[in-house]
Amino acid sequence: MKKLLLLTIISVVNSLSAQRIAVNEIDKFTGAKIVETSTLLTKAPDVTFKLRRVNDSLSMRIFIEKIKRVEIKDSSASIILLVKDGDKIGLQGKIEYLSSKERNHSIHWGAGISTGGAIKVSSVTIDVYIPDDVFATLCDNDLTDIRITVNGANIDRSLVSYSYSKKLRKMFNLMNYN
């Protein structure tokens, strides 16, 4: 009986973490076909991913936590993805959301020292457009690492642990059939 209960719990947990299509609908106002995957939660590297296709335009939403004091002055970010075979994929993204304890104001420390009004974030959400050729590469290959460059500061995360690279490839392949 205990083995059956354990097996049931394991299968429920696996089904909850499995990638699936979360949204597949036609927007009633614009007529656009919207397909969106469930969010891939990656606890160890503190990164989550989600894919969204509107008609023929595919984008990836990346949410990164536990960033160490990166200053953001504009809303652009460059992304480099490392593929298992050694290829590098360069993309441009747009910062959609950020969270911080200091937002658009200065903290004066005395003796003329101040943060100068820069935004220092602890987490960031970035939307990245995925062209068709990059999409084909991501469907066939595993990602090993991601580097996001914001205002000259690099945020690096490894995706090899806990088989996140294979889960990301599965997420891209889900969008391949929809």
C-alpha atoms as a PDB file:
ATOM      1  CA  MET A   1       0.000   0.000   0.000  1.00  0.00           C
ATOM      2  CA  LYS A   2       2.836   2.387   0.867  1.00  0.00           C
ATOM      3  CA  LYS A   3       4.516   1.680  -2.466  1.00  0.00           C
ATOM      4  CA  LEU A   4       1.303   2.456  -4.328  1.00  0.00           C
ATOM      5  CA  LEU A   5       0.892   5.738  -2.452  1.00  0.00           C
ATOM      6  CA  LEU A   6       4.520   6.693  -3.155  1.00  0.00           C
ATOM      7  CA  LEU A   7       4.120   5.840  -6.846  1.00  0.00           C
ATOM      8  CA  THR A   8       0.951   7.953  -7.040  1.00  0.00           C
ATOM      9  CA  ILE A   9       2.665  10.938  -5.408  1.00  0.00           C
ATOM     10  CA  ILE A  10       5.655  10.686  -7.775  1.00  0.00           C
ATOM     11  CA  SER A  11       3.403  10.540 -10.849  1.00  0.00           C
ATOM     12  CA  VAL A  12       1.376  13.563  -9.680  1.00  0.00           C
ATOM     13  CA  VAL A  13       4.543  15.602  -9.077  1.00  0.00           C
ATOM     14  CA  ASN A  14       5.913  14.642 -12.498  1.00  0.00           C
ATOM     15  CA  SER A  15       2.684  15.606 -14.226  1.00  0.00           C
ATOM     16  CA  LEU A  16       2.657  18.990 -12.473  1.00  0.00           C
ATOM     17  CA  SER A  17       6.184  19.789 -13.628  1.00  0.00           C
ATOM     18  CA  ALA A  18       5.641  18.511 -17.198  1.00  0.00           C
ATOM     19  CA  GLN A  19       5.589  21.027 -19.980  1.00  0.00           C
ATOM     20  CA  ARG A  20       2.243  21.580 -21.652  1.00  0.00           C
ATOM     21  CA  ILE A  21       0.310  24.080 -23.703  1.00  0.00           C
ATOM     22  CA  ALA A  22      -1.430  26.312 -21.168  1.00  0.00           C
ATOM     23  CA  VAL A  23      -3.214  28.651 -23.622  1.00  0.00           C
ATOM     24  CA  ASN A  24      -4.462  27.816 -27.118  1.00  0.00           C
ATOM     25  CA  GLU A  25      -7.110  30.291 -28.212  1.00  0.00           C
ATOM     26  CA  ILE A  26      -8.201  32.842 -30.773  1.00  0.00           C
ATOM     27  CA  ASP A  27      -8.391  36.421 -29.484  1.00  0.00           C
ATOM     28  CA  LYS A  28     -11.992  37.483 -30.059  1.00  0.00           C
ATOM     29  CA  PHE A  29     -11.059  41.134 -30.621  1.00  0.00           C
ATOM     30  CA  THR A  30      -8.109  40.790 -33.003  1.00  0.00           C
ATOM     31  CA  GLY A  31      -8.571  37.268 -34.406  1.00  0.00           C
ATOM     32  CA  ALA A  32      -4.958  36.446 -33.490  1.00  0.00           C
ATOM     33  CA  LYS A  33      -4.128  32.853 -32.608  1.00  0.00           C
ATOM     34  CA  ILE A  34      -2.417  32.750 -29.196  1.00  0.00           C
ATOM     35  CA  VAL A  35      -0.501  29.696 -27.994  1.00  0.00           C
ATOM     36  CA  GLU A  36       1.402  29.756 -24.698  1.00  0.00           C
ATOM     37  CA  THR A  37       3.313  27.084 -22.796  1.00  0.00           C
ATOM     38  CA  SER A  38       3.204  26.531 -19.083  1.00  0.00           C
ATOM     39  CA  THR A  39       6.023  28.127 -17.121  1.00  0.00           C
ATOM     40  CA  LEU A  40       9.197  26.091 -16.772  1.00  0.00           C
ATOM     41  CA  LEU A  41      10.368  26.650 -13.220  1.00  0.00           C
ATOM     42  CA  THR A  42      14.077  26.136 -12.640  1.00  0.00           C
ATOM     43  CA  LYS A  43      14.766  26.407  -8.919  1.00  0.00           C
ATOM     44  CA  ALA A  44      18.531  25.871  -8.903  1.00  0.00           C
ATOM     45  CA  PRO A  45      19.569  28.584 -11.397  1.00  0.00           C
ATOM     46  CA  ASP A  46      16.708  30.924 -10.373  1.00  0.00           C
ATOM     47  CA  VAL A  47      15.383  31.302 -13.915  1.00  0.00           C
ATOM     48  CA  THR A  48      11.915  30.614 -15.340  1.00  0.00           C
ATOM     49  CA  PHE A  49      10.946  30.380 -19.002  1.00  0.00           C
ATOM     50  CA  LYS A  50       7.691  30.613 -20.941  1.00  0.00           C
ATOM     51  CA  LEU A  51       7.021  30.618 -24.684  1.00  0.00           C
ATOM     52  CA  ARG A  52       4.238  32.595 -26.349  1.00  0.00           C
ATOM     53  CA  ARG A  53       3.246  32.581 -30.009  1.00  0.00           C
ATOM     54  CA  VAL A  54       0.885  35.196 -31.419  1.00  0.00           C
ATOM     55  CA  ASN A  55       0.070  34.190 -35.017  1.00  0.00           C
ATOM     56  CA  ASP A  56       3.559  33.577 -36.453  1.00  0.00           C
ATOM     57  CA  SER A  57       5.570  35.622 -33.947  1.00  0.00           C
ATOM     58  CA  LEU A  58       7.292  33.611 -31.186  1.00  0.00           C
ATOM     59  CA  SER A  59       8.710  35.154 -28.032  1.00  0.00           C
ATOM     60  CA  MET A  60      10.302  33.760 -24.897  1.00  0.00           C
ATOM     61  CA  ARG A  61       9.709  35.325 -21.492  1.00  0.00           C
ATOM     62  CA  ILE A  62      12.651  34.945 -19.117  1.00  0.00           C
ATOM     63  CA  PHE A  63      12.350  35.740 -15.416  1.00  0.00           C
ATOM     64  CA  ILE A  64      15.578  35.847 -13.388  1.00  0.00           C
ATOM     65  CA  GLU A  65      15.786  36.164  -9.612  1.00  0.00           C
ATOM     66  CA  LYS A  66      18.602  36.799  -7.155  1.00  0.00           C
ATOM     67  CA  ILE A  67      20.458  39.326  -9.249  1.00  0.00           C
ATOM     68  CA  LYS A  68      23.268  41.026  -7.394  1.00  0.00           C
ATOM     69  CA  ARG A  69      22.825  44.769  -7.689  1.00  0.00           C
ATOM     70  CA  VAL A  70      22.578  45.396 -11.433  1.00  0.00           C
ATOM     71  CA  GLU A  71      21.813  48.970 -12.442  1.00  0.00           C
ATOM     72  CA  ILE A  72      19.294  49.402 -15.256  1.00  0.00           C
ATOM     73  CA  LYS A  73      19.193  52.631 -17.234  1.00  0.00           C
ATOM     74  CA  ASP A  74      17.256  51.519 -20.330  1.00  0.00           C
ATOM     75  CA  SER A  75      14.867  48.743 -21.269  1.00  0.00           C
ATOM     76  CA  SER A  76      17.068  46.721 -23.628  1.00  0.00           C
ATOM     77  CA  ALA A  77      18.982  43.535 -22.868  1.00  0.00           C
ATOM     78  CA  SER A  78      21.166  41.278 -24.974  1.00  0.00           C
ATOM     79  CA  ILE A  79      20.945  37.534 -24.522  1.00  0.00           C
ATOM     80  CA  ILE A  80      23.495  34.884 -25.467  1.00  0.00           C
ATOM     81  CA  LEU A  81      22.401  31.255 -25.390  1.00  0.00           C
ATOM     82  CA  LEU A  82      25.019  28.498 -25.421  1.00  0.00           C
ATOM     83  CA  VAL A  83      23.963  25.325 -27.197  1.00  0.00           C
ATOM     84  CA  LYS A  84      25.354  21.911 -26.238  1.00  0.00           C
ATOM     85  CA  ASP A  85      27.302  21.564 -29.515  1.00  0.00           C
ATOM     86  CA  GLY A  86      29.175  24.810 -28.746  1.00  0.00           C
ATOM     87  CA  ASP A  87      27.194  27.253 -30.884  1.00  0.00           C
ATOM     88  CA  LYS A  88      26.301  30.676 -29.517  1.00  0.00           C
ATOM     89  CA  ILE A  89      22.953  32.292 -30.267  1.00  0.00           C
ATOM     90  CA  GLY A  90      22.697  36.062 -29.835  1.00  0.00           C
ATOM     91  CA  LEU A  91      19.294  37.692 -29.295  1.00  0.00           C
ATOM     92  CA  GLN A  92      17.931  41.064 -28.230  1.00  0.00           C
ATOM     93  CA  GLY A  93      15.316  41.430 -25.532  1.00  0.00           C
ATOM     94  CA  LYS A  94      13.215  44.070 -23.874  1.00  0.00           C
ATOM     95  CA  ILE A  95      12.868  44.426 -20.120  1.00  0.00           C
ATOM     96  CA  GLU A  96       9.172  44.168 -19.297  1.00  0.00           C
ATOM     97  CA  TYR A  97       9.261  44.158 -15.503  1.00  0.00           C
ATOM     98  CA  LEU A  98      11.782  44.534 -12.717  1.00  0.00           C
ATOM     99  CA  SER A  99      11.623  44.493  -8.963  1.00  0.00           C
ATOM    100  CA  SER A 100      13.856  46.415  -6.651  1.00  0.00           C
ATOM    101  CA  LYS A 101      14.078  48.018  -3.266  1.00  0.00           C
ATOM    102  CA  GLU A 102      15.266  51.273  -4.810  1.00  0.00           C
ATOM    103  CA  ARG A 103      13.203  52.696  -7.648  1.00  0.00           C
ATOM    104  CA  ASN A 104      13.992  55.962  -9.374  1.00  0.00           C
ATOM    105  CA  HIS A 105      15.198  57.783  -6.297  1.00  0.00           C
ATOM    106  CA  SER A 106      18.480  58.524  -4.595  1.00  0.00           C
ATOM    107  CA  ILE A 107      19.647  57.338  -1.225  1.00  0.00           C
ATOM    108  CA  HIS A 108      22.154  59.742   0.307  1.00  0.00           C
ATOM    109  CA  TRP A 109      24.784  58.164   2.525  1.00  0.00           C
ATOM    110  CA  GLY A 110      26.396  61.409   3.679  1.00  0.00           C
ATOM    111  CA  ALA A 111      29.669  63.047   2.625  1.00  0.00           C
ATOM    112  CA  GLY A 112      28.266  63.507  -0.887  1.00  0.00           C
ATOM    113  CA  ILE A 113      27.861  59.768  -1.546  1.00  0.00           C
ATOM    114  CA  SER A 114      24.576  58.803  -3.208  1.00  0.00           C
ATOM    115  CA  THR A 115      23.158  56.056  -5.387  1.00  0.00           C
ATOM    116  CA  GLY A 116      22.417  58.722  -7.983  1.00  0.00           C
ATOM    117  CA  GLY A 117      18.909  57.595  -8.804  1.00  0.00           C
ATOM    118  CA  ALA A 118      19.969  54.393 -10.622  1.00  0.00           C
ATOM    119  CA  ILE A 119      17.600  51.467 -10.440  1.00  0.00           C
ATOM    120  CA  LYS A 120      19.241  48.500  -8.740  1.00  0.00           C
ATOM    121  CA  VAL A 121      17.181  45.397  -9.300  1.00  0.00           C
ATOM    122  CA  SER A 122      16.877  42.036  -7.619  1.00  0.00           C
ATOM    123  CA  SER A 123      14.781  40.326 -10.332  1.00  0.00           C
ATOM    124  CA  VAL A 124      13.943  41.057 -13.951  1.00  0.00           C
ATOM    125  CA  THR A 125      11.515  39.827 -16.628  1.00  0.00           C
ATOM    126  CA  ILE A 126      12.688  40.021 -20.233  1.00  0.00           C
ATOM    127  CA  ASP A 127      10.764  39.316 -23.459  1.00  0.00           C
ATOM    128  CA  VAL A 128      12.870  37.992 -26.327  1.00  0.00           C
ATOM    129  CA  TYR A 129      11.723  37.617 -29.931  1.00  0.00           C
ATOM    130  CA  ILE A 130      12.748  34.197 -31.357  1.00  0.00           C
ATOM    131  CA  PRO A 131      13.327  34.193 -35.156  1.00  0.00           C
ATOM    132  CA  ASP A 132      12.429  31.041 -37.132  1.00  0.00           C
ATOM    133  CA  ASP A 133      16.043  29.920 -37.698  1.00  0.00           C
ATOM    134  CA  VAL A 134      16.847  30.219 -33.975  1.00  0.00           C
ATOM    135  CA  PHE A 135      13.618  28.390 -33.139  1.00  0.00           C
ATOM    136  CA  ALA A 136      14.655  25.472 -35.362  1.00  0.00           C
ATOM    137  CA  THR A 137      18.048  25.317 -33.631  1.00  0.00           C
ATOM    138  CA  LEU A 138      16.440  25.362 -30.167  1.00  0.00           C
ATOM    139  CA  CYS A 139      14.051  22.542 -31.126  1.00  0.00           C
ATOM    140  CA  ASP A 140      16.979  20.306 -32.089  1.00  0.00           C
ATOM    141  CA  ASN A 141      19.580  21.195 -29.433  1.00  0.00           C
ATOM    142  CA  ASP A 142      19.933  21.465 -25.672  1.00  0.00           C
ATOM    143  CA  LEU A 143      20.805  24.811 -24.094  1.00  0.00           C
ATOM    144  CA  THR A 144      23.622  24.683 -21.555  1.00  0.00           C
ATOM    145  CA  ASP A 145      23.990  28.306 -20.422  1.00  0.00           C
ATOM    146  CA  ILE A 146      22.368  31.703 -20.708  1.00  0.00           C
ATOM    147  CA  ARG A 147      23.987  35.128 -20.377  1.00  0.00           C
ATOM    148  CA  ILE A 148      21.873  38.239 -20.149  1.00  0.00           C
ATOM    149  CA  THR A 149      23.698  41.535 -20.450  1.00  0.00           C
ATOM    150  CA  VAL A 150      21.921  44.526 -18.964  1.00  0.00           C
ATOM    151  CA  ASN A 151      23.649  47.902 -19.009  1.00  0.00           C
ATOM    152  CA  GLY A 152      27.082  46.269 -19.357  1.00  0.00           C
ATOM    153  CA  ALA A 153      26.573  43.835 -16.451  1.00  0.00           C
ATOM    154  CA  ASN A 154      26.424  40.106 -17.197  1.00  0.00           C
ATOM    155  CA  ILE A 155      23.945  37.785 -15.513  1.00  0.00           C
ATOM    156  CA  ASP A 156      25.078  34.204 -16.163  1.00  0.00           C
ATOM    157  CA  ARG A 157      23.112  31.067 -15.366  1.00  0.00           C
ATOM    158  CA  SER A 158      23.869  27.417 -16.113  1.00  0.00           C
ATOM    159  CA  LEU A 159      20.973  25.266 -17.337  1.00  0.00           C
ATOM    160  CA  VAL A 160      22.721  21.879 -17.305  1.00  0.00           C
ATOM    161  CA  SER A 161      21.745  20.848 -13.786  1.00  0.00           C
ATOM    162  CA  TYR A 162      18.460  19.053 -13.121  1.00  0.00           C
ATOM    163  CA  SER A 163      18.050  18.431 -16.886  1.00  0.00           C
ATOM    164  CA  TYR A 164      16.596  21.922 -17.489  1.00  0.00           C
ATOM    165  CA  SER A 165      18.278  22.003 -20.897  1.00  0.00           C
ATOM    166  CA  LYS A 166      16.273  18.960 -22.032  1.00  0.00           C
ATOM    167  CA  LYS A 167      13.063  20.424 -20.576  1.00  0.00           C
ATOM    168  CA  LEU A 168      13.661  23.648 -22.505  1.00  0.00           C
ATOM    169  CA  ARG A 169      14.115  21.684 -25.736  1.00  0.00           C
ATOM    170  CA  LYS A 170      10.814  19.887 -25.010  1.00  0.00           C
ATOM    171  CA  MET A 171       9.136  23.256 -24.422  1.00  0.00           C
ATOM    172  CA  PHE A 172      10.343  24.516 -27.835  1.00  0.00           C
ATOM    173  CA  ASN A 173       9.182  21.303 -29.489  1.00  0.00           C
ATOM    174  CA  LEU A 174       5.704  21.799 -27.980  1.00  0.00           C
ATOM    175  CA  MET A 175       5.455  25.068 -29.898  1.00  0.00           C
ATOM    176  CA  ASN A 176       6.687  23.320 -33.038  1.00  0.00           C
ATOM    177  CA  TYR A 177       3.407  21.396 -33.311  1.00  0.00           C
ATOM    178  CA  ASN A 178       1.029  24.277 -32.508  1.00  0.00           C
END
